[in-house]
N, C-alpha and C. Protein backbone atom coordinates (compact mmCIF):
# COMPACT_ATOMS: atom_id res chain seq x y z
N MET A 1 0.85 -1.18 0.00
CA MET A 1 0.00 0.00 0.00
C MET A 1 0.90 1.24 0.00
N ASN A 2 0.53 2.22 -0.81
CA ASN A 2 1.27 3.48 -0.84
C ASN A 2 0.97 4.29 0.41
N LYS A 3 1.95 5.05 0.81
CA LYS A 3 1.79 5.90 1.99
C LYS A 3 1.21 7.25 1.59
N THR A 4 0.50 7.85 2.51
CA THR A 4 0.01 9.21 2.33
C THR A 4 1.16 10.16 2.54
N LYS A 5 1.33 11.11 1.61
CA LYS A 5 2.38 12.10 1.73
C LYS A 5 1.81 13.37 2.33
N VAL A 6 2.55 13.93 3.28
CA VAL A 6 2.15 15.16 3.96
C VAL A 6 3.30 16.14 3.78
N ILE A 7 3.07 17.21 3.03
CA ILE A 7 4.10 18.21 2.77
C ILE A 7 3.74 19.44 3.59
N VAL A 8 4.66 19.85 4.47
CA VAL A 8 4.41 20.93 5.42
C VAL A 8 5.41 22.05 5.20
N ASP A 9 4.92 23.29 5.23
CA ASP A 9 5.84 24.43 5.18
C ASP A 9 5.29 25.53 6.08
N ALA A 10 6.18 26.19 6.77
CA ALA A 10 5.81 27.33 7.59
C ALA A 10 6.60 28.54 7.11
N CYS A 11 5.95 29.67 7.05
CA CYS A 11 6.67 30.92 6.77
C CYS A 11 6.64 31.75 8.04
N CYS A 12 7.74 32.40 8.31
CA CYS A 12 7.85 33.25 9.49
C CYS A 12 8.61 34.50 9.05
N HIS A 13 7.90 35.60 8.96
CA HIS A 13 8.48 36.86 8.49
C HIS A 13 8.98 37.66 9.69
N ILE A 14 10.30 37.75 9.81
CA ILE A 14 10.93 38.45 10.92
C ILE A 14 11.46 39.79 10.41
N PRO A 15 10.92 40.90 10.93
CA PRO A 15 11.40 42.21 10.48
C PRO A 15 12.89 42.39 10.78
N ASN A 16 13.60 42.97 9.86
CA ASN A 16 15.03 43.26 10.02
C ASN A 16 15.85 42.03 10.38
N ALA A 17 15.51 40.88 9.80
CA ALA A 17 16.18 39.62 10.12
C ALA A 17 17.68 39.68 9.86
N HIS A 18 18.10 40.56 8.99
CA HIS A 18 19.52 40.65 8.62
C HIS A 18 20.33 41.49 9.61
N ILE A 19 19.70 42.15 10.55
CA ILE A 19 20.39 43.04 11.48
C ILE A 19 20.77 42.28 12.75
N LEU A 20 22.02 42.42 13.16
CA LEU A 20 22.51 41.79 14.37
C LEU A 20 21.71 42.29 15.57
N GLY A 21 21.32 41.41 16.46
CA GLY A 21 20.58 41.79 17.65
C GLY A 21 19.09 41.97 17.42
N ARG A 22 18.60 41.56 16.28
CA ARG A 22 17.20 41.71 15.95
C ARG A 22 16.34 40.85 16.86
N ILE A 23 15.07 41.14 16.89
CA ILE A 23 14.12 40.31 17.63
C ILE A 23 13.91 39.04 16.82
N GLY A 24 13.93 37.89 17.46
CA GLY A 24 13.85 36.62 16.76
C GLY A 24 12.46 36.08 16.53
N LYS A 25 11.46 36.95 16.60
CA LYS A 25 10.09 36.50 16.37
C LYS A 25 9.48 37.27 15.21
N GLY A 26 8.57 36.61 14.54
CA GLY A 26 7.86 37.25 13.45
C GLY A 26 6.50 36.62 13.29
N LYS A 27 5.71 37.20 12.41
CA LYS A 27 4.37 36.66 12.13
C LYS A 27 4.52 35.44 11.23
N ALA A 28 3.75 34.40 11.55
CA ALA A 28 3.93 33.11 10.87
C ALA A 28 2.61 32.50 10.42
N ALA A 29 2.72 31.67 9.42
CA ALA A 29 1.59 30.88 8.91
C ALA A 29 2.15 29.56 8.39
N CYS A 30 1.28 28.60 8.17
CA CYS A 30 1.74 27.32 7.63
C CYS A 30 0.80 26.86 6.51
N GLY A 31 1.36 26.05 5.64
CA GLY A 31 0.61 25.44 4.56
C GLY A 31 0.88 23.96 4.53
N VAL A 32 -0.15 23.18 4.23
CA VAL A 32 -0.04 21.72 4.23
C VAL A 32 -0.69 21.17 2.97
N LEU A 33 0.01 20.30 2.30
CA LEU A 33 -0.50 19.58 1.15
C LEU A 33 -0.48 18.10 1.52
N VAL A 34 -1.63 17.45 1.45
CA VAL A 34 -1.73 16.02 1.75
C VAL A 34 -2.14 15.30 0.47
N ILE A 35 -1.38 14.26 0.13
CA ILE A 35 -1.70 13.44 -1.03
C ILE A 35 -1.90 12.01 -0.53
N ASP A 36 -3.14 11.54 -0.56
CA ASP A 36 -3.41 10.22 -0.01
C ASP A 36 -2.95 9.11 -0.95
N HIS A 37 -3.12 7.86 -0.49
CA HIS A 37 -2.61 6.70 -1.24
C HIS A 37 -3.23 6.56 -2.63
N SER A 38 -4.40 7.17 -2.85
CA SER A 38 -5.05 7.07 -4.17
C SER A 38 -4.72 8.26 -5.07
N GLY A 39 -3.96 9.25 -4.54
CA GLY A 39 -3.61 10.42 -5.32
C GLY A 39 -4.51 11.62 -5.07
N GLN A 40 -5.54 11.45 -4.24
CA GLN A 40 -6.43 12.56 -3.88
C GLN A 40 -5.62 13.60 -3.10
N GLU A 41 -5.80 14.88 -3.46
CA GLU A 41 -5.05 15.96 -2.81
C GLU A 41 -5.95 16.81 -1.92
N TYR A 42 -5.37 17.25 -0.80
CA TYR A 42 -6.05 18.11 0.16
C TYR A 42 -5.10 19.24 0.51
N GLU A 43 -5.63 20.45 0.63
CA GLU A 43 -4.82 21.60 1.00
C GLU A 43 -5.38 22.26 2.25
N PHE A 44 -4.46 22.62 3.16
CA PHE A 44 -4.84 23.27 4.41
C PHE A 44 -3.86 24.40 4.69
N SER A 45 -4.31 25.42 5.39
CA SER A 45 -3.40 26.47 5.83
C SER A 45 -3.94 27.08 7.11
N LYS A 46 -3.05 27.71 7.85
CA LYS A 46 -3.44 28.31 9.13
C LYS A 46 -2.50 29.45 9.47
N TYR A 47 -3.07 30.54 9.93
CA TYR A 47 -2.26 31.64 10.45
C TYR A 47 -1.85 31.27 11.87
N LEU A 48 -0.57 31.43 12.20
CA LEU A 48 -0.05 30.96 13.49
C LEU A 48 0.20 32.07 14.50
N GLY A 49 0.31 33.32 14.04
CA GLY A 49 0.61 34.41 14.95
C GLY A 49 2.10 34.70 15.03
N GLU A 50 2.52 35.35 16.10
CA GLU A 50 3.92 35.74 16.25
C GLU A 50 4.69 34.69 17.04
N MET A 51 5.83 34.27 16.46
CA MET A 51 6.65 33.23 17.08
C MET A 51 8.00 33.15 16.40
N THR A 52 8.87 32.29 16.92
CA THR A 52 10.17 32.05 16.31
C THR A 52 10.01 31.08 15.14
N VAL A 53 11.05 30.97 14.33
CA VAL A 53 11.01 30.06 13.19
C VAL A 53 10.82 28.60 13.64
N PRO A 54 11.60 28.08 14.61
CA PRO A 54 11.37 26.69 15.03
C PRO A 54 9.96 26.46 15.59
N GLU A 55 9.45 27.44 16.32
CA GLU A 55 8.08 27.31 16.83
C GLU A 55 7.09 27.22 15.67
N ALA A 56 7.27 28.04 14.65
CA ALA A 56 6.38 28.01 13.49
C ALA A 56 6.46 26.68 12.77
N GLU A 57 7.67 26.15 12.60
CA GLU A 57 7.82 24.85 11.93
C GLU A 57 7.11 23.74 12.72
N PHE A 58 7.27 23.73 14.05
CA PHE A 58 6.60 22.71 14.86
C PHE A 58 5.09 22.90 14.88
N ARG A 59 4.63 24.15 14.98
CA ARG A 59 3.18 24.39 14.97
C ARG A 59 2.59 23.97 13.61
N GLY A 60 3.35 24.18 12.55
CA GLY A 60 2.92 23.72 11.23
C GLY A 60 2.83 22.20 11.17
N LEU A 61 3.81 21.52 11.74
CA LEU A 61 3.80 20.06 11.79
C LEU A 61 2.62 19.54 12.60
N ILE A 62 2.38 20.14 13.75
CA ILE A 62 1.25 19.72 14.59
C ILE A 62 -0.07 19.92 13.85
N PHE A 63 -0.22 21.07 13.20
CA PHE A 63 -1.43 21.34 12.40
C PHE A 63 -1.57 20.30 11.29
N ALA A 64 -0.47 19.97 10.61
CA ALA A 64 -0.51 18.99 9.52
C ALA A 64 -0.94 17.62 10.03
N LEU A 65 -0.40 17.20 11.16
CA LEU A 65 -0.78 15.90 11.72
C LEU A 65 -2.26 15.91 12.12
N ASP A 66 -2.73 17.02 12.70
CA ASP A 66 -4.14 17.12 13.08
C ASP A 66 -5.07 17.03 11.86
N GLN A 67 -4.69 17.66 10.76
CA GLN A 67 -5.51 17.63 9.55
C GLN A 67 -5.46 16.25 8.89
N THR A 68 -4.29 15.65 8.88
CA THR A 68 -4.09 14.37 8.20
C THR A 68 -4.83 13.23 8.88
N VAL A 69 -4.98 13.30 10.20
CA VAL A 69 -5.65 12.21 10.91
C VAL A 69 -7.11 12.08 10.46
N GLY A 70 -7.69 13.14 9.91
CA GLY A 70 -9.04 13.07 9.37
C GLY A 70 -9.09 12.42 8.00
N ILE A 71 -7.93 12.21 7.40
CA ILE A 71 -7.84 11.59 6.07
C ILE A 71 -7.40 10.14 6.16
N THR A 72 -6.42 9.88 7.01
CA THR A 72 -5.91 8.53 7.19
C THR A 72 -5.32 8.37 8.58
N ARG A 73 -5.26 7.15 9.03
CA ARG A 73 -4.56 6.82 10.28
C ARG A 73 -3.51 5.74 10.00
N TYR A 74 -3.27 5.50 8.73
CA TYR A 74 -2.30 4.47 8.35
C TYR A 74 -0.90 5.05 8.26
N ASP A 75 -0.15 4.68 7.26
CA ASP A 75 1.24 5.07 7.12
C ASP A 75 1.36 6.40 6.39
N ILE A 76 2.13 7.32 6.98
CA ILE A 76 2.34 8.61 6.33
C ILE A 76 3.83 8.93 6.23
N GLU A 77 4.13 9.76 5.24
CA GLU A 77 5.46 10.35 5.08
C GLU A 77 5.28 11.84 5.25
N VAL A 78 6.06 12.44 6.14
CA VAL A 78 6.02 13.89 6.35
C VAL A 78 7.26 14.48 5.70
N TRP A 79 7.05 15.41 4.80
CA TRP A 79 8.13 16.09 4.08
C TRP A 79 8.17 17.54 4.51
N MET A 80 9.35 17.99 4.97
CA MET A 80 9.51 19.37 5.43
C MET A 80 10.82 19.95 4.89
N ASP A 81 10.86 21.26 4.72
CA ASP A 81 12.11 21.89 4.33
C ASP A 81 12.94 22.30 5.55
N SER A 82 12.42 22.05 6.74
CA SER A 82 13.15 22.34 7.97
C SER A 82 13.97 21.10 8.36
N GLU A 83 15.23 21.13 7.97
CA GLU A 83 16.12 20.00 8.29
C GLU A 83 16.25 19.82 9.80
N LEU A 84 16.25 20.92 10.54
CA LEU A 84 16.36 20.86 11.98
C LEU A 84 15.20 20.09 12.60
N VAL A 85 13.97 20.41 12.22
CA VAL A 85 12.80 19.73 12.77
C VAL A 85 12.80 18.26 12.37
N VAL A 86 13.13 17.97 11.12
CA VAL A 86 13.20 16.57 10.67
C VAL A 86 14.23 15.80 11.51
N ASN A 87 15.39 16.40 11.76
CA ASN A 87 16.42 15.72 12.54
C ASN A 87 16.01 15.54 14.00
N TRP A 88 15.26 16.49 14.55
CA TRP A 88 14.73 16.31 15.90
C TRP A 88 13.70 15.19 15.93
N MET A 89 12.79 15.17 14.94
CA MET A 89 11.72 14.18 14.94
C MET A 89 12.23 12.76 14.66
N THR A 90 13.29 12.62 13.89
CA THR A 90 13.85 11.30 13.61
C THR A 90 14.80 10.82 14.70
N GLY A 91 15.15 11.71 15.62
CA GLY A 91 16.07 11.35 16.68
C GLY A 91 17.54 11.54 16.32
N LYS A 92 17.81 12.04 15.13
CA LYS A 92 19.20 12.29 14.74
C LYS A 92 19.82 13.36 15.63
N TYR A 93 19.02 14.37 16.00
CA TYR A 93 19.44 15.40 16.95
C TYR A 93 18.63 15.23 18.22
N ARG A 94 19.27 15.46 19.34
CA ARG A 94 18.59 15.41 20.62
C ARG A 94 17.93 16.76 20.90
N MET A 95 16.71 16.73 21.41
CA MET A 95 15.99 17.96 21.73
C MET A 95 16.57 18.55 23.01
N ARG A 96 17.21 19.71 22.90
CA ARG A 96 17.81 20.36 24.05
C ARG A 96 17.24 21.76 24.30
N LYS A 97 16.34 22.20 23.46
CA LYS A 97 15.75 23.53 23.59
C LYS A 97 14.48 23.43 24.44
N GLU A 98 14.58 23.84 25.69
CA GLU A 98 13.45 23.68 26.61
C GLU A 98 12.21 24.45 26.17
N HIS A 99 12.38 25.59 25.51
CA HIS A 99 11.21 26.35 25.07
C HIS A 99 10.52 25.70 23.87
N ILE A 100 11.20 24.79 23.18
CA ILE A 100 10.63 24.08 22.03
C ILE A 100 10.10 22.70 22.45
N ARG A 101 10.61 22.17 23.55
CA ARG A 101 10.26 20.81 23.98
C ARG A 101 8.75 20.54 24.04
N PRO A 102 7.92 21.44 24.57
CA PRO A 102 6.47 21.15 24.60
C PRO A 102 5.90 20.93 23.19
N LEU A 103 6.36 21.69 22.21
CA LEU A 103 5.89 21.50 20.83
C LEU A 103 6.40 20.19 20.26
N PHE A 104 7.66 19.87 20.53
CA PHE A 104 8.25 18.60 20.11
C PHE A 104 7.45 17.43 20.70
N ASP A 105 7.17 17.51 22.00
CA ASP A 105 6.40 16.45 22.66
C ASP A 105 4.99 16.32 22.08
N GLU A 106 4.37 17.46 21.78
CA GLU A 106 3.02 17.43 21.20
C GLU A 106 3.04 16.80 19.81
N ALA A 107 4.05 17.13 19.01
CA ALA A 107 4.17 16.54 17.67
C ALA A 107 4.38 15.04 17.77
N ARG A 108 5.24 14.61 18.68
CA ARG A 108 5.48 13.16 18.85
C ARG A 108 4.21 12.45 19.30
N LYS A 109 3.47 13.06 20.21
CA LYS A 109 2.21 12.47 20.68
C LYS A 109 1.20 12.36 19.54
N ASN A 110 1.08 13.42 18.74
CA ASN A 110 0.15 13.41 17.62
C ASN A 110 0.54 12.38 16.56
N ALA A 111 1.82 12.15 16.40
CA ALA A 111 2.28 11.17 15.42
C ALA A 111 1.88 9.74 15.81
N GLN A 112 1.63 9.52 17.09
CA GLN A 112 1.23 8.18 17.56
C GLN A 112 -0.16 7.78 17.09
N ARG A 113 -0.91 8.72 16.53
CA ARG A 113 -2.25 8.41 16.03
C ARG A 113 -2.21 7.69 14.69
N PHE A 114 -1.02 7.58 14.11
CA PHE A 114 -0.87 6.91 12.81
C PHE A 114 -0.18 5.57 12.99
N ASN A 115 -0.42 4.68 12.02
CA ASN A 115 0.24 3.38 12.05
C ASN A 115 1.75 3.56 12.03
N SER A 116 2.24 4.43 11.14
CA SER A 116 3.67 4.76 11.11
C SER A 116 3.85 6.15 10.51
N VAL A 117 4.91 6.83 10.93
CA VAL A 117 5.25 8.15 10.41
C VAL A 117 6.74 8.15 10.10
N GLU A 118 7.07 8.53 8.88
CA GLU A 118 8.47 8.73 8.50
C GLU A 118 8.65 10.20 8.16
N TYR A 119 9.80 10.75 8.52
CA TYR A 119 10.08 12.16 8.26
C TYR A 119 11.20 12.28 7.24
N PHE A 120 11.02 13.21 6.31
CA PHE A 120 12.01 13.44 5.26
C PHE A 120 12.24 14.94 5.09
N HIS A 121 13.48 15.28 4.83
CA HIS A 121 13.82 16.67 4.49
C HIS A 121 13.81 16.79 2.98
N HIS A 122 13.31 17.90 2.48
CA HIS A 122 13.35 18.19 1.05
C HIS A 122 13.69 19.65 0.87
N SER A 123 14.21 19.97 -0.28
CA SER A 123 14.52 21.35 -0.62
C SER A 123 13.23 22.11 -0.84
N ARG A 124 13.23 23.37 -0.45
CA ARG A 124 12.01 24.17 -0.67
C ARG A 124 11.80 24.46 -2.14
N SER A 125 12.75 24.06 -2.98
CA SER A 125 12.60 24.29 -4.42
C SER A 125 11.89 23.13 -5.12
N THR A 126 11.53 22.07 -4.39
CA THR A 126 10.79 20.97 -5.01
C THR A 126 9.39 21.44 -5.38
N LEU A 127 8.78 20.79 -6.35
CA LEU A 127 7.45 21.16 -6.80
C LEU A 127 6.43 21.14 -5.66
N LEU A 128 6.42 20.06 -4.89
CA LEU A 128 5.46 19.96 -3.78
C LEU A 128 5.80 20.93 -2.66
N GLY A 129 7.10 21.14 -2.43
CA GLY A 129 7.53 22.11 -1.44
C GLY A 129 7.08 23.52 -1.79
N LYS A 130 7.16 23.85 -3.07
CA LYS A 130 6.71 25.17 -3.52
C LYS A 130 5.21 25.34 -3.33
N ARG A 131 4.46 24.26 -3.54
CA ARG A 131 3.00 24.35 -3.35
C ARG A 131 2.65 24.60 -1.88
N ALA A 132 3.31 23.88 -0.97
CA ALA A 132 3.07 24.08 0.46
C ALA A 132 3.50 25.48 0.88
N ASP A 133 4.63 25.95 0.33
CA ASP A 133 5.11 27.30 0.63
C ASP A 133 4.09 28.34 0.16
N ARG A 134 3.55 28.15 -1.02
CA ARG A 134 2.56 29.08 -1.57
C ARG A 134 1.32 29.13 -0.65
N LEU A 135 0.89 27.98 -0.15
CA LEU A 135 -0.26 27.95 0.77
C LEU A 135 0.04 28.75 2.04
N SER A 136 1.24 28.58 2.59
CA SER A 136 1.59 29.30 3.82
C SER A 136 1.67 30.80 3.57
N GLU A 137 2.25 31.20 2.44
CA GLU A 137 2.37 32.63 2.13
C GLU A 137 0.99 33.26 1.87
N GLN A 138 0.11 32.53 1.20
CA GLN A 138 -1.24 33.05 0.96
C GLN A 138 -1.97 33.25 2.28
N GLU A 139 -1.83 32.31 3.20
CA GLU A 139 -2.47 32.43 4.51
C GLU A 139 -1.87 33.60 5.28
N TYR A 140 -0.56 33.74 5.24
CA TYR A 140 0.12 34.86 5.90
C TYR A 140 -0.42 36.19 5.38
N ASN A 141 -0.53 36.30 4.07
CA ASN A 141 -0.96 37.56 3.44
C ASN A 141 -2.39 37.95 3.82
N LYS A 142 -3.24 36.99 4.13
CA LYS A 142 -4.61 37.29 4.55
C LYS A 142 -4.67 38.11 5.83
N PHE A 143 -3.61 38.01 6.65
CA PHE A 143 -3.62 38.63 7.96
C PHE A 143 -2.73 39.86 8.07
N GLN A 144 -2.28 40.37 6.93
CA GLN A 144 -1.43 41.57 6.94
C GLN A 144 -2.26 42.81 6.64
N ASN A 145 -2.00 43.85 7.41
CA ASN A 145 -2.69 45.15 7.33
C ASN A 145 -4.13 44.97 7.51
């Protein structure tokens, strides 16, 4: 049986991100593209509010898992352009950021609702990655001004 693919992207716009000593939080949104085992596609997006980039990536993952459980509870592949989050979720990196740990724990708990979950890193330039990115940016833009 083919696995359901879940492509997740979060955008986090941090003002003056290039300036040393900047504030590390910005307004964020996420986009999710789910392709089930039969090829049926589902699109979801959510405005996340103000947070750091890792928080946005984890909140996007949690949102994606919540949406996907309504489609399938079998085997899923989660594709993200956040190599850091993928490495935390696969256990390649140990979670040492106490302010991120509650989100990490929530994502791991939500992943238990599926038969199996595999995590993969992909470039944001992939076709599916661009689609998820577009969903997150469209959602972000709805909440500006």
